[in-house]
Amino acid sequence: MAFSRICKVDPLSRGIFRKCVVMLCSLLTSLFLLYCLTDRCSTLPATVKTSTQVGGFFSDELHDLRTLRRKRLLQKWNTLPETVSHRGDDNASPVYYGHLKFGDDGEPVEALLLPPLDVLFPRRVSSRFAGAGQLSPLGDGTKKLPQALIIGVKKGGTRALLEFLRVHPDIRAVGAEPHFFDRNYENGLEWYRELMPKTLEGQITMEKTPSYFVTREAPARISAMSRDTKLIVVVRDPVTRAISDYTQTLSKKPDIPSFESLTFKNRTTGLIDTSWSAIQIGIYAKHLDNWLQYFPMGQILFVSGERLITDPAGELGRVQDFLGLKRIITDKHFYFNQTKGFPCLKKAEGSSKPHCLGKTKGRTHPNINPEVVQRLRDFYRPFNMKFYQMTGRIFGWDE
C-alpha cells in the first residue's frame, strides 16, 4: 500500500525507480555473460587451432595464410642488411643483424641471426623491451638436413637456379657452397645441419655444391644421409661449359696456358686430355652412371642450362613440380638483361629491387680456334648421345 501510494503521489520517484531496476538488470546480465565467457575460455587448450573456430574451406584457407605469413616474416629477418650495433655502450658486445656475410671469394656465407625487436619494429615496440634480447617468434622453425640438393654441374647455371628458387616461400637455401660431401665430410652431419637455415613446416631445405656430381664418393654419402634426397643437375653444352670453365680460371690466373694447349694431350694427333677437369666434367654419362648405383632416375632432375636462359619460368616450373611445390615462380618474376645476356629477377628474395647475378657471371669468353671447338664436339658427341638415352631428354647440343 505504501509503495502504491508513493507511486501515485510522486510520478518522478516512480521513473527513477524504474531506471534503477533496468540498470541493475543490465549489470547482472553483464556479470553473467562475463562469467560464461571466462568459464568457456578456461576450458580451451593453450593453442587454439583454426579448425576449432572456423570449419571447412575457410579453416584451410586461414591456416595457409597464417603459415605463408610466418614464412615471409622469417625470410624478412633473414634478408635484413648486415649491420653492427653496440646499443650505445662502447664495452658491449656487437649485435649482428641479417643473415648473409661474404667470404674472401665474394661468395655469400650463411649466418642466420634474428634481429632484436627494436630493429625489426622500431615504431611499434616500446624502448623498455630493447634489452630483452633477440626475437624468437612463434614457429621460427628448426635446422634440418637438406631434402634436395643441386649437385652440378660447375659453370652450368647452378647459381642462377639457386637464386631463382630462393624466391619461392617454401624453399630455404644456404647461400654459400658447403662442400660437405666432397671436402668436409669428416666434420659430420651435425656440423652440416648447423650450416642450414631454419625452416618452417612444409618448407624445403636446399643447398648447392656443383662439384658433387663429379665426386665419386658423393652418391654413397648422400644416400647414407637419406635415400629420399632429391637431386638436381643443371647441364649445359659440354663444349661451351669447358670454355666457360677455362674463362673463370683465366680470370684468376692470367698466366695459365692457352685453352688449346690444355685441351690436347698431343696437338698433332688431336688426342683429347680427359684428365683436365674442364674436359672431364662434361662427360655427363660417365658421372651419371655412378649416381644411378645409389639413386633411381626418378629422383634426379636434369635442368637445361640453355633453357634456363631462354625460358627460365619453364625450367623453374619443372623444378617446382619435381620438388612437389606449387608453381609460384612464373614469367612475371623475370626480365631479360640485354647487357649481361641472361635473365634477372624483377624482385629478389626479401627485396623490392631487381637483382642480377654478380659481375663474375656472364664473362666474355676468349676466342677459341674453330678447329679446336669442332674437335671437342666430335669428342663429346657419343657421350652426349648416351646421356640423352639415359635421361630420356634430347638437349640439342649436337645440332
Protein backbone atom coordinates (compact mmCIF):
# COMPACT_ATOMS: atom_id res chain seq x y z
CA MET A 1 0.00 0.00 0.00
CA ALA A 2 2.76 2.36 0.91
CA PHE A 3 4.56 1.65 -2.37
CA SER A 4 1.44 2.16 -4.48
CA ARG A 5 0.71 5.30 -2.56
CA ILE A 6 4.19 6.68 -3.29
CA CYS A 7 3.88 5.81 -6.97
CA LYS A 8 0.58 7.57 -7.26
CA VAL A 9 1.65 10.56 -5.31
CA ASP A 10 5.16 11.03 -6.83
CA PRO A 11 5.50 10.16 -10.59
CA LEU A 12 9.11 11.41 -10.54
CA SER A 13 10.13 8.86 -7.91
CA ARG A 14 8.49 6.11 -9.94
CA GLY A 15 10.60 6.97 -13.03
CA ILE A 16 13.82 6.94 -11.00
CA PHE A 17 12.92 3.59 -9.51
CA ARG A 18 12.34 2.04 -12.95
CA LYS A 19 15.68 3.30 -14.21
CA CYS A 20 17.44 1.77 -11.21
CA VAL A 21 15.78 -1.59 -11.88
CA VAL A 22 16.84 -1.52 -15.55
CA MET A 23 20.44 -0.65 -14.63
CA LEU A 24 20.56 -3.42 -12.04
CA CYS A 25 19.28 -5.96 -14.57
CA SER A 26 21.85 -4.84 -17.14
CA LEU A 27 24.63 -5.15 -14.61
CA LEU A 28 23.56 -8.64 -13.60
CA THR A 29 23.29 -9.69 -17.23
CA SER A 30 26.81 -8.37 -17.99
CA LEU A 31 28.27 -10.19 -14.99
CA PHE A 32 26.58 -13.40 -16.08
CA LEU A 33 27.93 -13.12 -19.64
CA LEU A 34 31.42 -12.34 -18.33
CA TYR A 35 31.25 -15.41 -16.10
CA CYS A 36 30.20 -17.60 -19.03
CA LEU A 37 32.98 -16.31 -21.25
CA THR A 38 35.61 -16.76 -18.54
CA ASP A 39 34.42 -20.28 -17.84
CA ARG A 40 34.47 -21.15 -21.57
CA CYS A 41 37.95 -19.72 -22.17
CA SER A 42 39.36 -21.64 -19.23
CA THR A 43 38.29 -24.89 -20.87
CA LEU A 44 40.01 -24.18 -24.20
CA PRO A 45 43.50 -25.61 -24.92
CA ALA A 46 46.53 -23.30 -24.74
CA THR A 47 46.93 -23.29 -28.51
CA VAL A 48 43.60 -22.84 -30.27
CA LYS A 49 43.70 -24.26 -33.77
CA THR A 50 41.93 -22.54 -36.59
CA SER A 51 39.74 -25.59 -37.09
CA THR A 52 38.12 -25.06 -33.63
CA GLN A 53 37.00 -21.60 -34.67
CA VAL A 54 36.19 -21.90 -38.35
CA GLY A 55 35.37 -25.10 -40.13
CA GLY A 56 35.55 -26.41 -43.63
CA PHE A 57 37.04 -24.48 -46.52
CA PHE A 58 37.73 -21.28 -44.54
CA SER A 59 39.74 -23.21 -41.94
CA ASP A 60 42.19 -24.44 -44.57
CA GLU A 61 42.45 -21.01 -46.16
CA LEU A 62 43.22 -19.28 -42.84
CA HIS A 63 45.80 -21.94 -41.97
CA ASP A 64 47.54 -21.46 -45.32
CA LEU A 65 47.57 -17.68 -44.92
CA ARG A 66 48.96 -17.92 -41.40
CA THR A 67 51.71 -20.33 -42.50
CA LEU A 68 52.66 -18.17 -45.51
CA ARG A 69 52.79 -15.07 -43.29
CA ARG A 70 55.19 -16.79 -40.89
CA LYS A 71 57.43 -17.94 -43.76
CA ARG A 72 57.60 -14.45 -45.25
CA LEU A 73 58.29 -12.94 -41.83
CA LEU A 74 61.18 -15.35 -41.29
CA GLN A 75 62.54 -14.56 -44.76
CA LYS A 76 62.34 -10.86 -43.91
CA TRP A 77 64.52 -11.36 -40.86
CA ASN A 78 66.98 -13.43 -42.88
CA THR A 79 67.42 -10.78 -45.57
CA LEU A 80 67.93 -7.70 -43.44
CA PRO A 81 71.19 -5.87 -44.32
CA GLU A 82 74.06 -6.78 -42.06
CA THR A 83 74.91 -4.02 -39.57
CA VAL A 84 76.60 -3.84 -36.22
CA SER A 85 75.32 -2.03 -33.15
CA HIS A 86 76.72 -1.56 -29.66
CA ARG A 87 73.46 -0.23 -28.20
CA GLY A 88 75.19 2.93 -27.06
CA ASP A 89 77.66 1.05 -24.87
CA ASP A 90 81.26 1.02 -26.10
CA ASN A 91 82.05 -2.03 -23.98
CA ALA A 92 79.06 -4.08 -25.06
CA SER A 93 79.32 -6.98 -27.50
CA PRO A 94 78.22 -6.08 -31.03
CA VAL A 95 74.88 -7.36 -32.30
CA TYR A 96 74.77 -8.55 -35.92
CA TYR A 97 71.60 -8.22 -37.93
CA GLY A 98 70.86 -10.01 -41.20
CA HIS A 99 71.78 -13.45 -42.44
CA LEU A 100 74.41 -13.14 -45.18
CA LYS A 101 78.12 -12.47 -44.84
CA PHE A 102 80.62 -12.65 -47.65
CA GLY A 103 83.90 -14.54 -47.77
CA ASP A 104 87.17 -13.66 -49.45
CA ASP A 105 86.00 -15.22 -52.69
CA GLY A 106 82.97 -12.95 -52.84
CA GLU A 107 80.52 -15.80 -52.22
CA PRO A 108 77.86 -15.33 -49.52
CA VAL A 109 78.27 -17.20 -46.25
CA GLU A 110 75.16 -18.20 -44.30
CA ALA A 111 74.82 -16.73 -40.82
CA LEU A 112 71.21 -16.70 -39.63
CA LEU A 113 70.78 -14.21 -36.78
CA LEU A 114 67.36 -12.81 -35.89
CA PRO A 115 67.28 -9.07 -35.13
CA PRO A 116 66.14 -7.58 -31.82
CA LEU A 117 62.63 -6.22 -31.50
CA ASP A 118 63.56 -2.55 -31.74
CA VAL A 119 65.36 -3.17 -35.05
CA LEU A 120 62.62 -5.16 -36.76
CA PHE A 121 59.74 -2.96 -35.49
CA PRO A 122 61.32 0.36 -34.46
CA ARG A 123 57.99 2.22 -34.26
CA ARG A 124 55.84 -0.45 -32.70
CA VAL A 125 57.94 -1.72 -29.82
CA SER A 126 58.45 0.23 -26.64
CA SER A 127 62.03 1.04 -25.61
CA ARG A 128 61.57 -0.91 -22.38
CA PHE A 129 61.77 -4.12 -24.48
CA ALA A 130 65.01 -3.07 -26.17
CA GLY A 131 67.20 -5.06 -23.82
CA ALA A 132 65.03 -8.15 -23.89
CA GLY A 133 67.38 -9.95 -26.31
CA GLN A 134 66.82 -11.31 -29.78
CA LEU A 135 63.37 -12.04 -31.07
CA SER A 136 62.30 -15.66 -31.06
CA PRO A 137 58.96 -15.72 -32.92
CA LEU A 138 56.35 -18.40 -32.66
CA GLY A 139 57.11 -21.14 -35.14
CA ASP A 140 60.53 -19.78 -36.17
CA GLY A 141 61.48 -23.23 -37.41
CA THR A 142 64.33 -25.66 -36.93
CA LYS A 143 67.51 -26.54 -38.78
CA LYS A 144 67.16 -29.69 -40.85
CA LEU A 145 69.34 -31.67 -43.19
CA PRO A 146 68.55 -30.78 -46.82
CA GLN A 147 65.81 -32.67 -48.61
CA ALA A 148 67.04 -31.51 -52.03
CA LEU A 149 70.48 -30.79 -53.46
CA ILE A 150 71.76 -29.03 -56.57
CA ILE A 151 74.71 -31.30 -57.27
CA GLY A 152 76.05 -29.92 -60.55
CA VAL A 153 77.45 -29.00 -62.81
CA LYS A 154 80.12 -26.34 -62.48
CA LYS A 155 79.53 -23.44 -64.91
CA GLY A 156 76.19 -24.93 -65.86
CA GLY A 157 73.94 -22.29 -64.25
CA THR A 158 73.65 -23.59 -60.69
CA ARG A 159 73.97 -20.17 -59.05
CA ALA A 160 71.22 -18.74 -61.24
CA LEU A 161 68.93 -21.67 -60.45
CA LEU A 162 69.51 -21.33 -56.71
CA GLU A 163 68.85 -17.58 -56.73
CA PHE A 164 65.67 -18.09 -58.74
CA LEU A 165 64.46 -20.82 -56.39
CA ARG A 166 65.01 -18.70 -53.29
CA VAL A 167 62.11 -16.51 -54.42
CA HIS A 168 59.75 -19.38 -53.55
CA PRO A 169 58.41 -19.04 -49.97
CA ASP A 170 58.60 -22.80 -49.44
CA ILE A 171 62.33 -23.04 -50.24
CA ARG A 172 65.11 -22.12 -47.82
CA ALA A 173 68.64 -22.49 -49.13
CA VAL A 174 72.19 -21.99 -47.96
CA GLY A 175 73.86 -19.13 -49.81
CA ALA A 176 77.43 -20.46 -49.84
CA GLU A 177 78.53 -23.85 -51.14
CA PRO A 178 79.06 -26.13 -48.10
CA HIS A 179 81.18 -28.73 -49.97
CA PHE A 180 80.19 -31.21 -47.28
CA PHE A 181 80.05 -34.41 -49.33
CA ASP A 182 83.36 -33.79 -51.09
CA ARG A 183 85.65 -31.76 -48.79
CA ASN A 184 84.15 -31.58 -45.29
CA TYR A 185 82.54 -34.98 -44.80
CA GLU A 186 84.74 -35.77 -41.79
CA ASN A 187 83.05 -32.90 -39.89
CA GLY A 188 79.88 -34.98 -39.52
CA LEU A 189 76.18 -34.49 -40.20
CA GLU A 190 75.58 -32.28 -37.16
CA TRP A 191 78.16 -29.81 -38.43
CA TYR A 192 76.41 -29.93 -41.79
CA ARG A 193 72.99 -29.39 -40.22
CA GLU A 194 74.19 -26.28 -38.43
CA LEU A 195 75.02 -24.69 -41.78
CA MET A 196 71.38 -24.95 -42.86
CA PRO A 197 68.85 -22.13 -42.47
CA LYS A 198 65.85 -22.61 -40.20
CA THR A 199 62.72 -23.86 -41.92
CA LEU A 200 59.05 -23.99 -41.04
CA GLU A 201 56.75 -26.95 -41.50
CA GLY A 202 56.25 -27.59 -45.21
CA GLN A 203 59.40 -25.75 -46.31
CA ILE A 204 62.26 -27.48 -48.14
CA THR A 205 65.89 -27.08 -47.11
CA MET A 206 68.34 -26.93 -50.03
CA GLU A 207 71.98 -26.37 -50.81
CA LYS A 208 74.08 -26.38 -53.97
CA THR A 209 77.61 -27.63 -54.50
CA PRO A 210 78.30 -28.33 -58.20
CA SER A 211 81.37 -30.47 -57.57
CA TYR A 212 79.23 -33.22 -56.01
CA PHE A 213 78.27 -34.50 -59.46
CA VAL A 214 81.87 -35.41 -60.33
CA THR A 215 82.89 -36.61 -56.85
CA ARG A 216 83.00 -40.41 -56.79
CA GLU A 217 82.18 -40.71 -53.06
CA ALA A 218 79.29 -38.21 -53.08
CA PRO A 219 76.43 -40.54 -54.16
CA ALA A 220 77.11 -43.09 -51.40
CA ARG A 221 77.48 -40.36 -48.79
CA ILE A 222 74.27 -38.58 -49.76
CA SER A 223 72.41 -41.90 -49.86
CA ALA A 224 73.67 -42.66 -46.35
CA MET A 225 72.19 -39.35 -45.18
CA SER A 226 68.84 -40.02 -46.85
CA ARG A 227 67.83 -42.24 -49.75
CA ASP A 228 64.89 -39.91 -50.37
CA THR A 229 67.06 -36.89 -51.19
CA LYS A 230 66.02 -35.22 -54.44
CA LEU A 231 68.89 -34.33 -56.75
CA ILE A 232 69.01 -31.53 -59.32
CA VAL A 233 71.67 -31.29 -62.04
CA VAL A 234 71.99 -28.24 -64.29
CA VAL A 235 73.68 -29.37 -67.51
CA ARG A 236 74.98 -27.33 -70.41
CA ASP A 237 76.63 -27.93 -73.79
CA PRO A 238 79.88 -29.55 -72.60
CA VAL A 239 82.00 -27.60 -75.12
CA THR A 240 80.58 -24.23 -74.05
CA ARG A 241 80.83 -25.31 -70.43
CA ALA A 242 84.53 -26.19 -70.81
CA ILE A 243 85.28 -22.79 -72.37
CA SER A 244 83.37 -21.06 -69.57
CA ASP A 245 85.30 -23.09 -67.00
CA TYR A 246 88.59 -22.05 -68.62
CA THR A 247 87.44 -18.39 -68.71
CA GLN A 248 86.80 -18.42 -64.97
CA THR A 249 90.23 -19.91 -64.25
CA LEU A 250 91.86 -17.42 -66.61
CA SER A 251 90.31 -14.51 -64.70
CA LYS A 252 92.01 -15.74 -61.53
CA LYS A 253 95.27 -16.97 -63.10
CA PRO A 254 96.09 -14.90 -66.21
CA ASP A 255 99.35 -16.78 -66.78
CA ILE A 256 97.83 -20.23 -67.40
CA PRO A 257 98.45 -21.97 -70.76
CA SER A 258 96.09 -21.46 -73.67
CA PHE A 259 92.81 -23.36 -73.96
CA GLU A 260 94.12 -25.26 -76.98
CA SER A 261 97.26 -26.49 -75.22
CA LEU A 262 95.27 -27.70 -72.21
CA THR A 263 92.66 -29.45 -74.37
CA PHE A 264 95.02 -31.83 -76.17
CA LYS A 265 97.49 -34.38 -74.89
CA ASN A 266 99.03 -34.27 -78.33
CA ARG A 267 98.06 -31.43 -80.65
CA THR A 268 99.35 -33.28 -83.71
CA THR A 269 97.27 -36.42 -83.17
CA GLY A 270 94.30 -34.49 -81.77
CA LEU A 271 94.09 -36.71 -78.66
CA ILE A 272 91.89 -35.02 -76.04
CA ASP A 273 93.27 -34.76 -72.49
CA THR A 274 90.40 -36.16 -70.39
CA SER A 275 92.40 -35.68 -67.20
CA TRP A 276 91.85 -31.92 -67.45
CA SER A 277 88.87 -31.18 -65.19
CA ALA A 278 87.33 -28.73 -67.68
CA ILE A 279 87.03 -31.61 -70.16
CA GLN A 280 86.22 -34.37 -67.69
CA ILE A 281 83.22 -32.63 -66.11
CA GLY A 282 81.40 -32.57 -69.47
CA ILE A 283 81.37 -36.37 -69.82
CA TYR A 284 77.95 -36.41 -68.14
CA ALA A 285 77.05 -40.02 -68.96
CA LYS A 286 80.11 -41.33 -67.13
CA HIS A 287 79.31 -39.42 -63.93
CA LEU A 288 75.61 -40.28 -64.11
CA ASP A 289 76.46 -44.00 -64.12
CA ASN A 290 77.97 -43.56 -60.68
CA TRP A 291 74.86 -41.82 -59.31
CA LEU A 292 72.45 -44.42 -60.67
CA GLN A 293 74.08 -47.04 -58.45
CA TYR A 294 72.55 -45.26 -55.45
CA PHE A 295 69.57 -43.27 -56.71
CA PRO A 296 66.79 -44.09 -59.20
CA MET A 297 66.43 -41.82 -62.22
CA GLY A 298 63.11 -40.59 -60.84
CA GLN A 299 64.94 -38.83 -58.01
CA ILE A 300 67.24 -36.92 -60.34
CA LEU A 301 66.08 -33.90 -62.34
CA PHE A 302 68.19 -32.53 -65.19
CA VAL A 303 67.76 -28.83 -65.89
CA SER A 304 68.87 -27.38 -69.22
CA GLY A 305 71.34 -24.54 -68.69
CA GLU A 306 70.42 -23.16 -72.11
CA ARG A 307 66.68 -23.16 -71.41
CA LEU A 308 67.36 -21.59 -68.02
CA ILE A 309 68.43 -18.55 -70.05
CA THR A 310 65.85 -18.63 -72.85
CA ASP A 311 62.87 -19.85 -70.78
CA PRO A 312 63.63 -19.52 -67.04
CA ALA A 313 59.98 -19.78 -65.99
CA GLY A 314 59.55 -23.02 -67.93
CA GLU A 315 62.58 -24.69 -66.33
CA LEU A 316 61.61 -23.36 -62.90
CA GLY A 317 58.16 -24.86 -63.40
CA ARG A 318 59.73 -28.29 -63.92
CA VAL A 319 61.85 -27.85 -60.78
CA GLN A 320 58.86 -26.78 -58.66
CA ASP A 321 56.89 -29.80 -59.88
CA PHE A 322 59.83 -32.09 -59.12
CA LEU A 323 60.04 -30.73 -55.57
CA GLY A 324 56.29 -31.10 -55.07
CA LEU A 325 55.74 -27.35 -54.71
CA LYS A 326 53.09 -25.03 -56.06
CA ARG A 327 54.16 -23.15 -59.19
CA ILE A 328 54.69 -19.71 -57.67
CA ILE A 329 57.76 -18.65 -59.70
CA THR A 330 56.46 -17.67 -63.14
CA ASP A 331 57.21 -15.35 -66.08
CA LYS A 332 56.25 -12.31 -64.03
CA HIS A 333 59.36 -12.78 -61.87
CA PHE A 334 61.89 -12.32 -64.71
CA TYR A 335 63.18 -9.79 -67.19
CA PHE A 336 65.99 -10.26 -69.71
CA ASN A 337 69.12 -8.19 -69.18
CA GLN A 338 70.50 -7.37 -72.63
CA THR A 339 73.88 -6.29 -71.27
CA LYS A 340 74.57 -9.48 -69.34
CA GLY A 341 72.78 -11.72 -71.81
CA PHE A 342 70.71 -13.67 -69.30
CA PRO A 343 67.50 -13.27 -67.26
CA CYS A 344 67.38 -11.40 -63.97
CA LEU A 345 64.84 -11.30 -61.17
CA LYS A 346 62.43 -8.37 -61.05
CA LYS A 347 62.36 -8.75 -57.26
CA ALA A 348 64.91 -10.79 -55.39
CA GLU A 349 64.16 -12.68 -52.17
CA GLY A 350 63.38 -10.20 -49.40
CA SER A 351 63.82 -7.19 -51.70
CA SER A 352 61.70 -4.93 -53.85
CA LYS A 353 64.54 -4.18 -56.28
CA PRO A 354 65.63 -6.04 -59.44
CA HIS A 355 68.50 -8.47 -58.97
CA CYS A 356 71.04 -9.87 -61.42
CA LEU A 357 73.91 -12.22 -60.75
CA GLY A 358 77.25 -10.61 -59.95
CA LYS A 359 79.99 -9.47 -62.31
CA THR A 360 81.66 -12.89 -62.07
CA LYS A 361 78.75 -14.32 -64.06
CA GLY A 362 78.41 -13.86 -67.79
CA ARG A 363 82.10 -13.21 -68.54
CA THR A 364 83.08 -12.74 -72.17
CA HIS A 365 84.70 -15.93 -73.50
CA PRO A 366 88.05 -15.78 -75.26
CA ASN A 367 88.21 -16.58 -78.96
CA ILE A 368 88.90 -20.29 -79.48
CA ASN A 369 90.16 -21.79 -82.74
CA PRO A 370 87.08 -23.20 -84.56
CA GLU A 371 89.00 -26.38 -85.37
CA VAL A 372 89.57 -26.99 -81.66
CA VAL A 373 85.87 -26.40 -80.95
CA GLN A 374 84.88 -28.86 -83.69
CA ARG A 375 87.31 -31.47 -82.40
CA LEU A 376 85.74 -31.17 -78.96
CA ARG A 377 82.25 -31.53 -80.41
CA ASP A 378 83.31 -34.72 -82.15
CA PHE A 379 84.81 -35.99 -78.91
CA TYR A 380 81.68 -35.30 -76.80
CA ARG A 381 79.10 -36.49 -79.37
CA PRO A 382 78.98 -40.22 -78.36
CA PHE A 383 78.89 -39.30 -74.67
CA ASN A 384 76.07 -36.83 -75.32
CA MET A 385 74.05 -39.47 -77.20
CA LYS A 386 74.40 -41.88 -74.32
CA PHE A 387 73.38 -39.16 -71.88
CA TYR A 388 70.27 -38.38 -73.95
CA GLN A 389 69.30 -42.06 -73.82
CA MET A 390 69.89 -42.30 -70.06
CA THR A 391 67.85 -39.21 -69.22
CA GLY A 392 65.19 -39.55 -71.91
CA ARG A 393 65.71 -35.94 -72.93
CA ILE A 394 67.44 -34.51 -76.00
CA PHE A 395 69.30 -31.34 -75.07
CA GLY A 396 70.27 -30.46 -78.66
CA TRP A 397 73.99 -29.88 -78.13
CA ASP A 398 74.94 -31.66 -81.36
CA GLU A 399 72.56 -29.91 -83.72
